[in-house]
Amino acid sequence: MKTKQRISGKEKIKKTISHNDVEIPIDFGSNAVTGIHVSIVEKLRQYYGLEQKPIKVNEPYQMLGEVDEELKQILGIDVDGLYPYKTIFGFTNENWKEWVTPWNQLVLVPGDFVTKTEGDTVYIYPQGDNSVSPSGKMPSGSYFFDSIIRQEPIDESTLNAEDNLEEFVPIAQDELEYYRREAQALSQSDRAVMANFGGTGLGDIALVPGPFLKHPMGIRDITEWYISTVTRQDYLHEIFSRQIDVAIENYGKIYDVVGDIPQVVFLCGTDFGSQNSAFCSPETFESLYAPYYKSMTDWIHQNTSWKVFKHSCGAVDQFMEQFIRVGFDIINPVQCSAAGMDPQHLKDSYGQRITFWGGGVDTQKTLPFGTPKQVREEVLQRCEVFSKGGGFVFNAIHNLQARTPVENVVAMIDAVHEFRGIKG
């Protein structure tokens, strides 16, 4: 009997993005939109009989847990994450300390993870500085933080794009050294590397409020930002134009230290779709966003071997041709429960021109509320549709949320491996 030759994660990702048939790669935990809530990481370790220990919270905004080497091996994960130098609250992942969550889980958090509790709400401070106003809050019954809007009243006569550019600065040497060190460490693995460098999110609504800034200026209210995409487009053009100039210059410096170790780079997490509609028209996308996306993807494709990962939730079928045209190689999370996002339609229409990174199971209904049998059936169906001709990396639709039954998560993983066996 012939032994099936093992294919490395690097090779799987390379082949599937090139739209070649290959064993489906799996990603959980390589970035902030393919992660696992820290409570579920702990339950998975319990289920698989691994040593019980406090889990590191490596993305505190959504309270995502580190998927360590032991769990990666069990889950069959093919992608490692090169995480950003700083978290969304503006501090580095170092000097770990214990912290007990509101749901009574002992976890490890970075040293500058500084909070206070008032009533039933936990507040967290930007850059760990409790001399300023908190920038995030975790209300009673929640399992992650929400941004606190700290915008001053807008005076149209003094509105200055410079205020919305304070976070987009030339990369510092310590950050470059961090990326050099992390990339070299990850190069020793046979998994693919997903890089998360930051600075390229054009109006990513999670970043607009500036939860990492002590005194955010400019337009930092989410409602005002969306209004601005209609009423202040000149202002946003100035922000985006200057932002990508810095971003491209930074990418050049980063490439000098990491080279082609990353196979994929997370470019932007701006959402263009809601459950049933879109946040803007295709015409607005074409005029306000497309030129800046294309400038960045052109630079990446001309100067590196990196493939470009774009995250957008919601009903984005009407933008797919534009996503492809501006140079996105990968779309995530493939929200099949949204309007117009039927898996077969997506695969038939775009499957040979873009890679679907996600869409493997519905995280709104099936995974949290279905039975293990229903989870298995949906996963097998999605794998059958999306995997034909390559162009598919298995992940759920966005992060695995708290309170998801661990039996369903295990059924999801088992089903992917079952499909691999059937098609192997």
Foldseek 3Di string as FASTA:
>chain_A
DDDDDDDAQAVQVVQQLQLAFDQFAADEDQAQWQYAAQVLLQVVCVVVVHDHDAFEQQAQQQNGTDCDPVNCVVLVHQEHHPYEQAHLLAEGFDPWDWDQDPVGGIHIYRPLQDWDDDDQKIFTCASSDPVFDTQWMAGHPGRGIDGDQDEDDDDPVPADLVLQCPVQDADDPVRLVSLLVVLVVLLVGSGAYEYEHDLQALPALRPLSRSNDRHRYHDRDSVVVLVCLPVVLVSSQVNLVVSLVSVLVNVVSSCVRNPASHQAYERYAHAQADQEGGSDDLVSCVPRPLVSLLVVLVSCVVPGNHAYEYEYDHDCPVCVVSCLVSRHQEYPDQQCSGPPSPLLVCCVPCVSRHAHEHPQFHLVDCQQPNDLVSLLVSNLVSCVRNSNSRRYHYGYRTYNHPNGPSSNVVSNSVSSVVNSVVVD
